[in-house]
Amino acid sequence: MGFNKPDLRIFAYAMKRAGEMDPQAHLMIGDNLAADVGGAVRVGWRAIHFDRTQPGLRWRGSHIAIADLKLLEGLL
């Protein structure tokens, strides 16, 4: 495709492929704060940062951070 996260074009491409252009209908779950979460938040997606360095679930203003993927069950 010629571009990678956090380039906003990758998120636009994903929305087009999914057939849903409303950014709020999308959720990024990623382990890279800049590329995954940063790009998603900039384009208007909801985002969850998978961060094993701090236990539990934390609200970070623009996104949620979790240390255990089992916590996704309660969020989704």
C-alpha atoms as a PDB file:
ATOM      1  CA  MET A   1       0.000   0.000   0.000  1.00  0.00           C
ATOM      2  CA  GLY A   2       2.974   2.292   0.426  1.00  0.00           C
ATOM      3  CA  PHE A   3       2.141   3.602   3.896  1.00  0.00           C
ATOM      4  CA  ASN A   4       1.990   2.260   7.441  1.00  0.00           C
ATOM      5  CA  LYS A   5       0.528   3.230  10.797  1.00  0.00           C
ATOM      6  CA  PRO A   6       0.317   5.913  12.081  1.00  0.00           C
ATOM      7  CA  ASP A   7      -0.310   7.366   8.587  1.00  0.00           C
ATOM      8  CA  LEU A   8      -3.989   8.261   8.611  1.00  0.00           C
ATOM      9  CA  ARG A   9      -4.449   6.765   5.137  1.00  0.00           C
ATOM     10  CA  ILE A  10      -4.112   3.251   6.580  1.00  0.00           C
ATOM     11  CA  PHE A  11      -7.055   3.892   8.888  1.00  0.00           C
ATOM     12  CA  ALA A  12      -9.124   5.366   6.036  1.00  0.00           C
ATOM     13  CA  TYR A  13      -8.300   2.289   3.968  1.00  0.00           C
ATOM     14  CA  ALA A  14      -9.409   0.003   6.809  1.00  0.00           C
ATOM     15  CA  MET A  15     -12.704   1.889   7.180  1.00  0.00           C
ATOM     16  CA  LYS A  16     -13.352   1.645   3.445  1.00  0.00           C
ATOM     17  CA  ARG A  17     -12.545  -2.087   3.414  1.00  0.00           C
ATOM     18  CA  ALA A  18     -14.850  -2.625   6.398  1.00  0.00           C
ATOM     19  CA  GLY A  19     -17.628  -0.712   4.656  1.00  0.00           C
ATOM     20  CA  GLU A  20     -18.040   1.634   7.614  1.00  0.00           C
ATOM     21  CA  MET A  21     -16.801   5.215   7.296  1.00  0.00           C
ATOM     22  CA  ASP A  22     -17.882   6.400  10.755  1.00  0.00           C
ATOM     23  CA  PRO A  23     -14.630   6.542  12.772  1.00  0.00           C
ATOM     24  CA  GLN A  24     -16.500   5.986  16.058  1.00  0.00           C
ATOM     25  CA  ALA A  25     -17.615   2.578  14.783  1.00  0.00           C
ATOM     26  CA  HIS A  26     -14.004   1.371  14.863  1.00  0.00           C
ATOM     27  CA  LEU A  27     -11.734   0.218  17.656  1.00  0.00           C
ATOM     28  CA  MET A  28      -7.968  -0.224  17.534  1.00  0.00           C
ATOM     29  CA  ILE A  29      -6.391  -2.605  20.021  1.00  0.00           C
ATOM     30  CA  GLY A  30      -2.647  -2.336  19.758  1.00  0.00           C
ATOM     31  CA  ASP A  31       0.608  -2.592  21.621  1.00  0.00           C
ATOM     32  CA  ASN A  32       2.349   0.342  19.964  1.00  0.00           C
ATOM     33  CA  LEU A  33       1.301   3.613  21.580  1.00  0.00           C
ATOM     34  CA  ALA A  34       2.462   5.869  18.728  1.00  0.00           C
ATOM     35  CA  ALA A  35       1.556   3.815  15.669  1.00  0.00           C
ATOM     36  CA  ASP A  36      -1.528   1.922  16.810  1.00  0.00           C
ATOM     37  CA  VAL A  37      -3.151   4.111  19.444  1.00  0.00           C
ATOM     38  CA  GLY A  38      -1.864   7.492  18.286  1.00  0.00           C
ATOM     39  CA  GLY A  39      -2.950   6.993  14.696  1.00  0.00           C
ATOM     40  CA  ALA A  40      -6.332   5.609  15.683  1.00  0.00           C
ATOM     41  CA  VAL A  41      -7.069   8.473  18.068  1.00  0.00           C
ATOM     42  CA  ARG A  42      -5.999  11.074  15.490  1.00  0.00           C
ATOM     43  CA  VAL A  43      -8.468   9.683  12.961  1.00  0.00           C
ATOM     44  CA  GLY A  44     -11.295   9.508  15.527  1.00  0.00           C
ATOM     45  CA  TRP A  45     -11.294   5.824  16.395  1.00  0.00           C
ATOM     46  CA  ARG A  46     -11.649   4.477  19.893  1.00  0.00           C
ATOM     47  CA  ALA A  47      -8.432   2.833  21.077  1.00  0.00           C
ATOM     48  CA  ILE A  48      -7.131   0.392  23.646  1.00  0.00           C
ATOM     49  CA  HIS A  49      -3.415   0.236  24.355  1.00  0.00           C
ATOM     50  CA  PHE A  50      -2.199  -3.233  25.314  1.00  0.00           C
ATOM     51  CA  ASP A  51       0.563  -2.274  27.761  1.00  0.00           C
ATOM     52  CA  ARG A  52       1.981  -5.085  29.878  1.00  0.00           C
ATOM     53  CA  THR A  53       4.178  -2.718  31.918  1.00  0.00           C
ATOM     54  CA  GLN A  54       1.465  -1.528  34.338  1.00  0.00           C
ATOM     55  CA  PRO A  55      -1.185  -3.843  35.772  1.00  0.00           C
ATOM     56  CA  GLY A  56      -4.901  -3.338  35.526  1.00  0.00           C
ATOM     57  CA  LEU A  57      -7.052  -1.063  33.430  1.00  0.00           C
ATOM     58  CA  ARG A  58      -6.292   2.657  33.171  1.00  0.00           C
ATOM     59  CA  TRP A  59      -8.022   5.546  31.456  1.00  0.00           C
ATOM     60  CA  ARG A  60      -5.447   7.696  29.646  1.00  0.00           C
ATOM     61  CA  GLY A  61      -7.687  10.529  28.459  1.00  0.00           C
ATOM     62  CA  SER A  62      -7.801   9.628  24.770  1.00  0.00           C
ATOM     63  CA  HIS A  63      -7.694   5.853  25.213  1.00  0.00           C
ATOM     64  CA  ILE A  64      -7.794   2.960  27.648  1.00  0.00           C
ATOM     65  CA  ALA A  65      -4.682   1.010  28.627  1.00  0.00           C
ATOM     66  CA  ILE A  66      -4.834  -2.610  29.742  1.00  0.00           C
ATOM     67  CA  ALA A  67      -2.149  -5.057  30.840  1.00  0.00           C
ATOM     68  CA  ASP A  68      -4.112  -8.265  30.328  1.00  0.00           C
ATOM     69  CA  LEU A  69      -6.141  -9.168  27.251  1.00  0.00           C
ATOM     70  CA  LYS A  70      -8.676 -10.891  29.522  1.00  0.00           C
ATOM     71  CA  LEU A  71      -9.824  -7.378  30.477  1.00  0.00           C
ATOM     72  CA  LEU A  72     -11.135  -6.913  26.928  1.00  0.00           C
ATOM     73  CA  GLU A  73     -14.087  -9.149  27.715  1.00  0.00           C
ATOM     74  CA  GLY A  74     -15.519  -6.557  30.080  1.00  0.00           C
ATOM     75  CA  LEU A  75     -14.883  -3.707  27.653  1.00  0.00           C
ATOM     76  CA  LEU A  76     -16.273  -5.111  24.419  1.00  0.00           C
END
